[in-house]
C-alpha atoms as a PDB file:
ATOM      1  CA  UNK A   1      80.674  88.435  80.788  1.00  0.00           C
ATOM      2  CA  UNK A   2      81.722  91.793  79.345  1.00  0.00           C
ATOM      3  CA  UNK A   3      82.077  94.975  81.379  1.00  0.00           C
ATOM      4  CA  UNK A   4      78.724  96.436  80.279  1.00  0.00           C
ATOM      5  CA  UNK A   5      76.851  93.247  81.121  1.00  0.00           C
ATOM      6  CA  UNK A   6      78.542  93.051  84.518  1.00  0.00           C
ATOM      7  CA  UNK A   7      77.678  96.691  85.255  1.00  0.00           C
ATOM      8  CA  UNK A   8      74.039  96.087  84.318  1.00  0.00           C
ATOM      9  CA  UNK A   9      73.893  92.985  86.480  1.00  0.00           C
ATOM     10  CA  UNK A  10      75.334  94.844  89.455  1.00  0.00           C
ATOM     11  CA  UNK A  11      72.849  97.688  88.932  1.00  0.00           C
ATOM     12  CA  UNK A  12      69.933  95.261  88.916  1.00  0.00           C
ATOM     13  CA  UNK A  13      71.286  93.554  92.032  1.00  0.00           C
ATOM     14  CA  UNK A  14      71.488  96.863  93.869  1.00  0.00           C
ATOM     15  CA  UNK A  15      68.011  97.849  92.664  1.00  0.00           C
ATOM     16  CA  UNK A  16      66.618  94.484  93.779  1.00  0.00           C
ATOM     17  CA  UNK A  17      68.246  94.893  97.203  1.00  0.00           C
ATOM     18  CA  UNK A  18      66.729  98.356  97.603  1.00  0.00           C
ATOM     19  CA  UNK A  19      63.284  96.997  96.830  1.00  0.00           C
ATOM     20  CA  UNK A  20      63.682  94.340  99.499  1.00  0.00           C
ATOM     21  CA  UNK A  21      64.036  96.871 102.299  1.00  0.00           C
ATOM     22  CA  UNK A  22      61.894  99.756 103.410  1.00  0.00           C
ATOM     23  CA  UNK A  23      63.220 103.234 103.996  1.00  0.00           C
ATOM     24  CA  UNK A  24      62.346 105.532 106.857  1.00  0.00           C
ATOM     25  CA  UNK A  25      60.157 107.474 106.577  1.00  0.00           C
ATOM     26  CA  UNK A  26      57.949 104.869 104.892  1.00  0.00           C
ATOM     27  CA  UNK A  27      55.444 107.374 103.460  1.00  0.00           C
ATOM     28  CA  UNK A  28      57.077 110.128 101.423  1.00  0.00           C
ATOM     29  CA  UNK A  29      54.297 111.422  99.167  1.00  0.00           C
ATOM     30  CA  UNK A  30      52.534 113.208 102.032  1.00  0.00           C
ATOM     31  CA  UNK A  31      53.383 114.317 105.531  1.00  0.00           C
ATOM     32  CA  UNK A  32      51.875 111.774 107.943  1.00  0.00           C
ATOM     33  CA  UNK A  33      51.697 111.800 111.731  1.00  0.00           C
ATOM     34  CA  UNK A  34      50.305 110.088 114.837  1.00  0.00           C
ATOM     35  CA  UNK A  35      50.322 106.574 113.356  1.00  0.00           C
ATOM     36  CA  UNK A  36      48.032 103.777 114.441  1.00  0.00           C
ATOM     37  CA  UNK A  37      47.900 100.329 112.891  1.00  0.00           C
ATOM     38  CA  UNK A  38      45.515  97.399 112.646  1.00  0.00           C
ATOM     39  CA  UNK A  39      46.243  93.849 111.497  1.00  0.00           C
ATOM     40  CA  UNK A  40      43.220  92.338 109.785  1.00  0.00           C
ATOM     41  CA  UNK A  41      43.035  89.336 107.427  1.00  0.00           C
ATOM     42  CA  UNK A  42      46.839  89.171 107.059  1.00  0.00           C
ATOM     43  CA  UNK A  43      47.030  92.816 106.016  1.00  0.00           C
ATOM     44  CA  UNK A  44      48.354  95.775 107.995  1.00  0.00           C
ATOM     45  CA  UNK A  45      46.300  98.952 107.810  1.00  0.00           C
ATOM     46  CA  UNK A  46      48.183 102.105 108.730  1.00  0.00           C
ATOM     47  CA  UNK A  47      46.111 105.091 109.858  1.00  0.00           C
ATOM     48  CA  UNK A  48      47.619 108.561 110.162  1.00  0.00           C
ATOM     49  CA  UNK A  49      46.822 112.220 110.405  1.00  0.00           C
ATOM     50  CA  UNK A  50      47.758 114.403 107.438  1.00  0.00           C
ATOM     51  CA  UNK A  51      50.123 117.274 108.252  1.00  0.00           C
ATOM     52  CA  UNK A  52      49.419 120.127 105.836  1.00  0.00           C
ATOM     53  CA  UNK A  53      51.301 122.948 107.570  1.00  0.00           C
ATOM     54  CA  UNK A  54      52.313 125.618 105.013  1.00  0.00           C
ATOM     55  CA  UNK A  55      55.918 126.794 104.864  1.00  0.00           C
ATOM     56  CA  UNK A  56      55.135 130.110 106.561  1.00  0.00           C
ATOM     57  CA  UNK A  57      53.214 128.537 109.458  1.00  0.00           C
ATOM     58  CA  UNK A  58      54.352 126.822 112.656  1.00  0.00           C
ATOM     59  CA  UNK A  59      51.496 124.834 114.136  1.00  0.00           C
ATOM     60  CA  UNK A  60      49.369 121.822 113.308  1.00  0.00           C
ATOM     61  CA  UNK A  61      47.245 122.139 110.184  1.00  0.00           C
ATOM     62  CA  UNK A  62      45.321 118.863 109.919  1.00  0.00           C
ATOM     63  CA  UNK A  63      41.896 118.389 108.317  1.00  0.00           C
ATOM     64  CA  UNK A  64      41.728 114.684 107.417  1.00  0.00           C
ATOM     65  CA  UNK A  65      42.916 111.191 108.269  1.00  0.00           C
ATOM     66  CA  UNK A  66      44.656 108.848 105.830  1.00  0.00           C
ATOM     67  CA  UNK A  67      44.875 105.070 105.449  1.00  0.00           C
ATOM     68  CA  UNK A  68      47.496 102.854 103.824  1.00  0.00           C
ATOM     69  CA  UNK A  69      47.746  99.063 103.579  1.00  0.00           C
ATOM     70  CA  UNK A  70      50.585  96.574 103.229  1.00  0.00           C
ATOM     71  CA  UNK A  71      51.201  92.847 103.306  1.00  0.00           C
ATOM     72  CA  UNK A  72      54.957  93.133 103.879  1.00  0.00           C
ATOM     73  CA  UNK A  73      55.507  96.334 105.958  1.00  0.00           C
ATOM     74  CA  UNK A  74      57.621  97.703 103.097  1.00  0.00           C
ATOM     75  CA  UNK A  75      55.298  98.452 100.180  1.00  0.00           C
ATOM     76  CA  UNK A  76      52.347 100.664 101.148  1.00  0.00           C
ATOM     77  CA  UNK A  77      49.215 101.393  99.127  1.00  0.00           C
ATOM     78  CA  UNK A  78      47.304 104.593  99.825  1.00  0.00           C
ATOM     79  CA  UNK A  79      43.508 104.367  99.755  1.00  0.00           C
ATOM     80  CA  UNK A  80      41.060 107.221  99.079  1.00  0.00           C
ATOM     81  CA  UNK A  81      40.735 109.573 102.047  1.00  0.00           C
ATOM     82  CA  UNK A  82      38.377 107.664 104.370  1.00  0.00           C
ATOM     83  CA  UNK A  83      37.547 110.330 106.956  1.00  0.00           C
ATOM     84  CA  UNK A  84      37.636 114.109 107.395  1.00  0.00           C
ATOM     85  CA  UNK A  85      36.800 116.489 110.209  1.00  0.00           C
ATOM     86  CA  UNK A  86      33.843 117.681 108.134  1.00  0.00           C
ATOM     87  CA  UNK A  87      32.309 114.193 108.493  1.00  0.00           C
ATOM     88  CA  UNK A  88      31.513 115.136 112.112  1.00  0.00           C
ATOM     89  CA  UNK A  89      28.799 117.801 112.168  1.00  0.00           C
ATOM     90  CA  UNK A  90      29.632 118.689 115.779  1.00  0.00           C
ATOM     91  CA  UNK A  91      33.352 119.239 115.105  1.00  0.00           C
ATOM     92  CA  UNK A  92      35.126 122.458 114.148  1.00  0.00           C
ATOM     93  CA  UNK A  93      38.599 121.413 112.960  1.00  0.00           C
ATOM     94  CA  UNK A  94      41.829 119.493 113.739  1.00  0.00           C
ATOM     95  CA  UNK A  95      42.282 115.882 112.645  1.00  0.00           C
ATOM     96  CA  UNK A  96      44.495 114.845 115.540  1.00  0.00           C
ATOM     97  CA  UNK A  97      45.574 111.385 116.707  1.00  0.00           C
ATOM     98  CA  UNK A  98      43.201 108.464 116.175  1.00  0.00           C
ATOM     99  CA  UNK A  99      42.997 104.657 116.150  1.00  0.00           C
ATOM    100  CA  UNK A 100      40.889 102.019 114.374  1.00  0.00           C
ATOM    101  CA  UNK A 101      39.817  98.715 115.913  1.00  0.00           C
ATOM    102  CA  UNK A 102      37.635  95.900 114.533  1.00  0.00           C
ATOM    103  CA  UNK A 103      34.725  94.268 116.345  1.00  0.00           C
ATOM    104  CA  UNK A 104      32.133  91.886 114.911  1.00  0.00           C
ATOM    105  CA  UNK A 105      33.005  92.784 111.339  1.00  0.00           C
ATOM    106  CA  UNK A 106      32.762  96.543 111.840  1.00  0.00           C
ATOM    107  CA  UNK A 107      35.620  99.004 112.137  1.00  0.00           C
ATOM    108  CA  UNK A 108      35.504 101.750 114.748  1.00  0.00           C
ATOM    109  CA  UNK A 109      37.709 104.817 114.348  1.00  0.00           C
ATOM    110  CA  UNK A 110      38.273 106.816 117.536  1.00  0.00           C
ATOM    111  CA  UNK A 111      39.417 110.311 116.597  1.00  0.00           C
ATOM    112  CA  UNK A 112      40.547 113.562 118.204  1.00  0.00           C
ATOM    113  CA  UNK A 113      39.165 116.886 117.013  1.00  0.00           C
ATOM    114  CA  UNK A 114      38.088 120.300 118.299  1.00  0.00           C
ATOM    115  CA  UNK A 115      34.466 120.560 119.385  1.00  0.00           C
ATOM    116  CA  UNK A 116      32.408 123.273 117.711  1.00  0.00           C
ATOM    117  CA  UNK A 117      30.298 124.240 120.742  1.00  0.00           C
ATOM    118  CA  UNK A 118      31.910 122.709 123.856  1.00  0.00           C
ATOM    119  CA  UNK A 119      35.300 124.411 124.399  1.00  0.00           C
ATOM    120  CA  UNK A 120      38.286 122.128 123.990  1.00  0.00           C
ATOM    121  CA  UNK A 121      39.300 118.936 122.284  1.00  0.00           C
ATOM    122  CA  UNK A 122      36.913 115.996 122.024  1.00  0.00           C
ATOM    123  CA  UNK A 123      36.925 112.335 121.034  1.00  0.00           C
ATOM    124  CA  UNK A 124      34.501 111.012 118.456  1.00  0.00           C
ATOM    125  CA  UNK A 125      33.803 107.619 116.873  1.00  0.00           C
ATOM    126  CA  UNK A 126      33.308 106.773 113.213  1.00  0.00           C
ATOM    127  CA  UNK A 127      32.290 103.378 111.847  1.00  0.00           C
ATOM    128  CA  UNK A 128      32.659 101.457 108.596  1.00  0.00           C
ATOM    129  CA  UNK A 129      32.140  97.988 107.180  1.00  0.00           C
ATOM    130  CA  UNK A 130      35.647  98.127 105.692  1.00  0.00           C
ATOM    131  CA  UNK A 131      39.061  98.931 107.197  1.00  0.00           C
ATOM    132  CA  UNK A 132      39.619 101.455 104.398  1.00  0.00           C
ATOM    133  CA  UNK A 133      36.234 103.129 104.688  1.00  0.00           C
ATOM    134  CA  UNK A 134      34.397 105.192 103.910  1.00  0.00           C
ATOM    135  CA  UNK A 135      33.670 105.938 107.570  1.00  0.00           C
ATOM    136  CA  UNK A 136      30.727 107.849 109.004  1.00  0.00           C
ATOM    137  CA  UNK A 137      30.013 109.363 112.410  1.00  0.00           C
ATOM    138  CA  UNK A 138      28.719 106.522 114.595  1.00  0.00           C
ATOM    139  CA  UNK A 139      27.178 108.698 117.317  1.00  0.00           C
ATOM    140  CA  UNK A 140      26.199 112.046 115.873  1.00  0.00           C
ATOM    141  CA  UNK A 141      27.944 113.622 118.871  1.00  0.00           C
ATOM    142  CA  UNK A 142      31.245 113.369 120.723  1.00  0.00           C
ATOM    143  CA  UNK A 143      31.985 110.372 122.925  1.00  0.00           C
ATOM    144  CA  UNK A 144      34.274 112.381 125.231  1.00  0.00           C
ATOM    145  CA  UNK A 145      34.165 116.166 125.738  1.00  0.00           C
ATOM    146  CA  UNK A 146      36.364 118.437 127.813  1.00  0.00           C
ATOM    147  CA  UNK A 147      33.682 119.055 130.437  1.00  0.00           C
ATOM    148  CA  UNK A 148      33.720 115.331 131.323  1.00  0.00           C
ATOM    149  CA  UNK A 149      37.321 115.445 132.610  1.00  0.00           C
ATOM    150  CA  UNK A 150      38.291 117.984 135.256  1.00  0.00           C
ATOM    151  CA  UNK A 151      41.608 116.642 136.600  1.00  0.00           C
ATOM    152  CA  UNK A 152      43.556 119.315 134.713  1.00  0.00           C
ATOM    153  CA  UNK A 153      42.580 122.886 133.729  1.00  0.00           C
ATOM    154  CA  UNK A 154      43.815 122.590 130.139  1.00  0.00           C
ATOM    155  CA  UNK A 155      41.253 122.170 127.369  1.00  0.00           C
ATOM    156  CA  UNK A 156      43.305 119.758 125.259  1.00  0.00           C
ATOM    157  CA  UNK A 157      43.490 116.857 127.733  1.00  0.00           C
ATOM    158  CA  UNK A 158      40.905 114.768 125.826  1.00  0.00           C
ATOM    159  CA  UNK A 159      43.088 113.640 122.928  1.00  0.00           C
ATOM    160  CA  UNK A 160      44.894 110.586 121.557  1.00  0.00           C
ATOM    161  CA  UNK A 161      42.366 107.753 122.023  1.00  0.00           C
ATOM    162  CA  UNK A 162      43.562 104.158 121.967  1.00  0.00           C
ATOM    163  CA  UNK A 163      41.300 101.133 122.329  1.00  0.00           C
ATOM    164  CA  UNK A 164      41.917  97.587 123.521  1.00  0.00           C
ATOM    165  CA  UNK A 165      39.511  94.630 123.551  1.00  0.00           C
ATOM    166  CA  UNK A 166      40.521  92.184 126.263  1.00  0.00           C
ATOM    167  CA  UNK A 167      40.291  88.411 126.048  1.00  0.00           C
ATOM    168  CA  UNK A 168      36.951  88.371 127.869  1.00  0.00           C
ATOM    169  CA  UNK A 169      35.451  90.751 125.302  1.00  0.00           C
ATOM    170  CA  UNK A 170      35.545  93.858 127.483  1.00  0.00           C
ATOM    171  CA  UNK A 171      36.678  96.938 125.538  1.00  0.00           C
ATOM    172  CA  UNK A 172      38.718  99.745 127.078  1.00  0.00           C
ATOM    173  CA  UNK A 173      39.405 103.297 125.966  1.00  0.00           C
ATOM    174  CA  UNK A 174      42.596 105.067 127.068  1.00  0.00           C
ATOM    175  CA  UNK A 175      43.362 108.703 126.228  1.00  0.00           C
ATOM    176  CA  UNK A 176      44.610 112.024 127.543  1.00  0.00           C
ATOM    177  CA  UNK A 177      47.195 114.811 127.677  1.00  0.00           C
ATOM    178  CA  UNK A 178      49.005 115.492 131.004  1.00  0.00           C
ATOM    179  CA  UNK A 179      46.509 113.066 132.542  1.00  0.00           C
ATOM    180  CA  UNK A 180      46.075 109.487 131.370  1.00  0.00           C
ATOM    181  CA  UNK A 181      42.391 108.555 131.454  1.00  0.00           C
ATOM    182  CA  UNK A 182      40.684 105.238 130.885  1.00  0.00           C
ATOM    183  CA  UNK A 183      37.148 103.880 130.842  1.00  0.00           C
ATOM    184  CA  UNK A 184      35.319 100.736 129.835  1.00  0.00           C
ATOM    185  CA  UNK A 185      33.283 100.710 126.629  1.00  0.00           C
ATOM    186  CA  UNK A 186      29.982  98.940 126.101  1.00  0.00           C
ATOM    187  CA  UNK A 187      29.868  96.129 123.570  1.00  0.00           C
ATOM    188  CA  UNK A 188      28.425  98.538 120.983  1.00  0.00           C
ATOM    189  CA  UNK A 189      31.795 100.410 121.153  1.00  0.00           C
ATOM    190  CA  UNK A 190      30.123 103.833 121.125  1.00  0.00           C
ATOM    191  CA  UNK A 191      29.163 104.289 124.787  1.00  0.00           C
ATOM    192  CA  UNK A 192      31.131 104.390 128.025  1.00  0.00           C
ATOM    193  CA  UNK A 193      30.376 101.562 130.445  1.00  0.00           C
ATOM    194  CA  UNK A 194      31.181 103.082 133.825  1.00  0.00           C
ATOM    195  CA  UNK A 195      33.234 105.916 135.311  1.00  0.00           C
ATOM    196  CA  UNK A 196      36.373 107.557 133.960  1.00  0.00           C
ATOM    197  CA  UNK A 197      39.554 106.593 135.815  1.00  0.00           C
ATOM    198  CA  UNK A 198      43.105 107.987 135.786  1.00  0.00           C
ATOM    199  CA  UNK A 199      46.520 106.300 135.707  1.00  0.00           C
ATOM    200  CA  UNK A 200      49.452 107.874 137.550  1.00  0.00           C
ATOM    201  CA  UNK A 201      52.490 107.620 135.241  1.00  0.00           C
ATOM    202  CA  UNK A 202      55.843 109.443 135.520  1.00  0.00           C
ATOM    203  CA  UNK A 203      56.117 112.454 133.200  1.00  0.00           C
ATOM    204  CA  UNK A 204      53.052 111.414 131.220  1.00  0.00           C
ATOM    205  CA  UNK A 205      52.385 113.781 128.309  1.00  0.00           C
ATOM    206  CA  UNK A 206      50.075 112.065 125.790  1.00  0.00           C
ATOM    207  CA  UNK A 207      49.840 109.318 123.138  1.00  0.00           C
ATOM    208  CA  UNK A 208      48.921 106.206 125.156  1.00  0.00           C
ATOM    209  CA  UNK A 209      49.017 102.853 123.343  1.00  0.00           C
ATOM    210  CA  UNK A 210      48.024  99.467 124.773  1.00  0.00           C
ATOM    211  CA  UNK A 211      49.435  96.168 123.571  1.00  0.00           C
ATOM    212  CA  UNK A 212      50.004  92.710 125.031  1.00  0.00           C
ATOM    213  CA  UNK A 213      52.845  90.174 124.832  1.00  0.00           C
ATOM    214  CA  UNK A 214      52.517  86.867 126.622  1.00  0.00           C
ATOM    215  CA  UNK A 215      50.883  87.522 129.981  1.00  0.00           C
ATOM    216  CA  UNK A 216      52.011  91.137 130.121  1.00  0.00           C
ATOM    217  CA  UNK A 217      50.096  94.277 129.208  1.00  0.00           C
ATOM    218  CA  UNK A 218      52.087  97.298 128.067  1.00  0.00           C
ATOM    219  CA  UNK A 219      51.080 100.932 128.272  1.00  0.00           C
ATOM    220  CA  UNK A 220      53.444 103.074 126.225  1.00  0.00           C
ATOM    221  CA  UNK A 221      53.149 106.844 126.064  1.00  0.00           C
ATOM    222  CA  UNK A 222      54.815 110.129 125.169  1.00  0.00           C
ATOM    223  CA  UNK A 223      57.119 111.141 128.013  1.00  0.00           C
ATOM    224  CA  UNK A 224      58.144 114.738 128.879  1.00  0.00           C
ATOM    225  CA  UNK A 225      58.427 117.430 126.190  1.00  0.00           C
ATOM    226  CA  UNK A 226      60.048 117.367 123.696  1.00  0.00           C
ATOM    227  CA  UNK A 227      58.734 113.852 123.795  1.00  0.00           C
ATOM    228  CA  UNK A 228      60.461 110.546 124.267  1.00  0.00           C
ATOM    229  CA  UNK A 229      58.435 107.326 124.527  1.00  0.00           C
ATOM    230  CA  UNK A 230      58.252 105.486 127.853  1.00  0.00           C
ATOM    231  CA  UNK A 231      56.285 102.455 128.979  1.00  0.00           C
ATOM    232  CA  UNK A 232      54.786 100.657 131.958  1.00  0.00           C
ATOM    233  CA  UNK A 233      53.791  97.014 132.442  1.00  0.00           C
ATOM    234  CA  UNK A 234      50.954  95.236 134.223  1.00  0.00           C
ATOM    235  CA  UNK A 235      49.336  91.824 134.548  1.00  0.00           C
ATOM    236  CA  UNK A 236      45.921  93.471 134.088  1.00  0.00           C
ATOM    237  CA  UNK A 237      44.554  95.936 131.562  1.00  0.00           C
ATOM    238  CA  UNK A 238      43.182  97.866 134.543  1.00  0.00           C
ATOM    239  CA  UNK A 239      46.578  98.047 136.250  1.00  0.00           C
ATOM    240  CA  UNK A 240      48.319  98.662 138.541  1.00  0.00           C
ATOM    241  CA  UNK A 241      51.017  99.786 136.094  1.00  0.00           C
ATOM    242  CA  UNK A 242      54.732  99.529 136.890  1.00  0.00           C
ATOM    243  CA  UNK A 243      56.927 102.097 135.146  1.00  0.00           C
ATOM    244  CA  UNK A 244      59.778 100.495 133.181  1.00  0.00           C
ATOM    245  CA  UNK A 245      61.590 103.428 131.608  1.00  0.00           C
ATOM    246  CA  UNK A 246      62.387 104.944 128.235  1.00  0.00           C
ATOM    247  CA  UNK A 247      61.430 102.984 125.121  1.00  0.00           C
ATOM    248  CA  UNK A 248      62.268 105.452 122.343  1.00  0.00           C
ATOM    249  CA  UNK A 249      64.477 108.541 122.381  1.00  0.00           C
ATOM    250  CA  UNK A 250      63.615 111.902 120.819  1.00  0.00           C
ATOM    251  CA  UNK A 251      62.451 111.351 117.238  1.00  0.00           C
ATOM    252  CA  UNK A 252      64.571 113.350 114.822  1.00  0.00           C
ATOM    253  CA  UNK A 253      63.434 116.904 114.057  1.00  0.00           C
ATOM    254  CA  UNK A 254      60.072 116.446 115.831  1.00  0.00           C
ATOM    255  CA  UNK A 255      59.072 117.596 119.298  1.00  0.00           C
ATOM    256  CA  UNK A 256      56.329 114.931 119.468  1.00  0.00           C
ATOM    257  CA  UNK A 257      56.744 111.158 119.604  1.00  0.00           C
ATOM    258  CA  UNK A 258      53.668 109.055 118.868  1.00  0.00           C
ATOM    259  CA  UNK A 259      53.767 105.257 118.612  1.00  0.00           C
ATOM    260  CA  UNK A 260      51.802 102.212 117.561  1.00  0.00           C
ATOM    261  CA  UNK A 261      52.972  98.673 118.363  1.00  0.00           C
ATOM    262  CA  UNK A 262      51.748  95.620 116.470  1.00  0.00           C
ATOM    263  CA  UNK A 263      52.643  91.974 115.889  1.00  0.00           C
ATOM    264  CA  UNK A 264      52.741  90.835 112.284  1.00  0.00           C
ATOM    265  CA  UNK A 265      54.051  87.642 110.710  1.00  0.00           C
ATOM    266  CA  UNK A 266      56.089  86.675 113.743  1.00  0.00           C
ATOM    267  CA  UNK A 267      57.698  90.050 114.431  1.00  0.00           C
ATOM    268  CA  UNK A 268      56.819  93.069 116.536  1.00  0.00           C
ATOM    269  CA  UNK A 269      56.905  96.526 114.952  1.00  0.00           C
ATOM    270  CA  UNK A 270      57.271  99.967 116.472  1.00  0.00           C
ATOM    271  CA  UNK A 271      55.560 102.551 114.265  1.00  0.00           C
ATOM    272  CA  UNK A 272      56.243 106.214 114.979  1.00  0.00           C
ATOM    273  CA  UNK A 273      56.808 109.575 113.308  1.00  0.00           C
ATOM    274  CA  UNK A 274      59.689 111.991 112.925  1.00  0.00           C
ATOM    275  CA  UNK A 275      60.384 115.161 110.959  1.00  0.00           C
ATOM    276  CA  UNK A 276      62.738 113.371 108.633  1.00  0.00           C
ATOM    277  CA  UNK A 277      61.602 114.374 105.150  1.00  0.00           C
ATOM    278  CA  UNK A 278      63.799 117.284 104.137  1.00  0.00           C
ATOM    279  CA  UNK A 279      64.129 120.100 103.298  1.00  0.00           C
ATOM    280  CA  UNK A 280      60.745 120.964 104.865  1.00  0.00           C
ATOM    281  CA  UNK A 281      60.042 118.279 107.477  1.00  0.00           C
ATOM    282  CA  UNK A 282      59.746 119.359 111.111  1.00  0.00           C
ATOM    283  CA  UNK A 283      57.465 119.148 114.161  1.00  0.00           C
ATOM    284  CA  UNK A 284      54.397 120.193 112.141  1.00  0.00           C
ATOM    285  CA  UNK A 285      55.278 118.300 108.946  1.00  0.00           C
ATOM    286  CA  UNK A 286      55.955 114.818 110.239  1.00  0.00           C
ATOM    287  CA  UNK A 287      56.467 111.433 108.619  1.00  0.00           C
ATOM    288  CA  UNK A 288      55.694 107.856 109.669  1.00  0.00           C
ATOM    289  CA  UNK A 289      58.593 105.454 110.250  1.00  0.00           C
ATOM    290  CA  UNK A 290      58.821 101.773 111.211  1.00  0.00           C
ATOM    291  CA  UNK A 291      61.465  99.807 113.103  1.00  0.00           C
ATOM    292  CA  UNK A 292      61.426  96.462 114.885  1.00  0.00           C
ATOM    293  CA  UNK A 293      60.739  96.048 118.599  1.00  0.00           C
ATOM    294  CA  UNK A 294      62.446  93.368 120.696  1.00  0.00           C
ATOM    295  CA  UNK A 295      61.722  91.940 124.155  1.00  0.00           C
ATOM    296  CA  UNK A 296      64.099  90.853 126.893  1.00  0.00           C
ATOM    297  CA  UNK A 297      63.611  87.377 128.437  1.00  0.00           C
ATOM    298  CA  UNK A 298      61.809  88.928 131.440  1.00  0.00           C
ATOM    299  CA  UNK A 299      59.232  90.601 129.194  1.00  0.00           C
ATOM    300  CA  UNK A 300      60.679  94.102 129.378  1.00  0.00           C
ATOM    301  CA  UNK A 301      61.315  95.854 126.078  1.00  0.00           C
ATOM    302  CA  UNK A 302      64.687  96.733 124.607  1.00  0.00           C
ATOM    303  CA  UNK A 303      65.113 100.356 123.571  1.00  0.00           C
ATOM    304  CA  UNK A 304      64.047 101.060 120.027  1.00  0.00           C
ATOM    305  CA  UNK A 305      66.851 101.590 117.542  1.00  0.00           C
ATOM    306  CA  UNK A 306      65.567 104.174 115.067  1.00  0.00           C
ATOM    307  CA  UNK A 307      67.013 103.618 111.605  1.00  0.00           C
ATOM    308  CA  UNK A 308      66.953 105.322 108.227  1.00  0.00           C
ATOM    309  CA  UNK A 309      67.074 101.880 106.525  1.00  0.00           C
ATOM    310  CA  UNK A 310      63.763 100.672 107.923  1.00  0.00           C
ATOM    311  CA  UNK A 311      62.666  97.045 108.118  1.00  0.00           C
ATOM    312  CA  UNK A 312      63.041  93.982 105.942  1.00  0.00           C
ATOM    313  CA  UNK A 313      59.910  92.650 104.209  1.00  0.00           C
ATOM    314  CA  UNK A 314      57.670  90.588 106.464  1.00  0.00           C
ATOM    315  CA  UNK A 315      57.199  87.072 105.136  1.00  0.00           C
END
């Protein structure tokens, strides 16, 4: 083998190796934030808000939600924009954190936005027959409005919805900023089924996420500000919840820390955002990243190791 052939072979080997591993952030064509993920029919669907903050501005500018899909956690396909704030006639602006869940062949997208007539943030629900949309308003009004929760005087406490369907079919909605709220949902997924409750968690800020491993339920959330991620454990989706400590440290160049946790092809993934795309990434131009999550033998979770290399392809 001559020198040129050897050089070419080495180049192809390096290129092949690069293709076999993701890179954090995983989405680089747009700024993406507040990730949520759904595994459906052996495909992962990644849902995110779209940060569009201009260079001369320093706050959230978000008008739409995005969706990507992957079958290996490394290569992601963007689909046409499935949902915008303007799809909710009662909403004014702000496409904040959201999550999609499937039930009986329909996909329900619980979103955060600003209400047009009731002061404060609100939670709405959109529905589709496909995980990639298009989605439409399922209620014609908000599911949760600021006047329904009075435990804190702020008007942005009704944000960051996350939904869990338990083994007996009962659905639960968790949400909140500075207060963690939860309520049961009716089987139609668009009505509350009982009163709103609160969970007392140390230094709770926002971004609740529910997942389960073995017999344990996990409630992870943004902790303090700037935000780390912490978590609590329980044997019941309704608690009581036992605080277990920090799960993820401050995410680089971002004052928020928002997670999704899923199982896929035998591994558990921690999906989050940082401000890692430079030169213009920061707290209001964020980017989704993925690293693996590991459990200890007693069911507690090892701290997340955030990497720039990302994850290997799921097989």
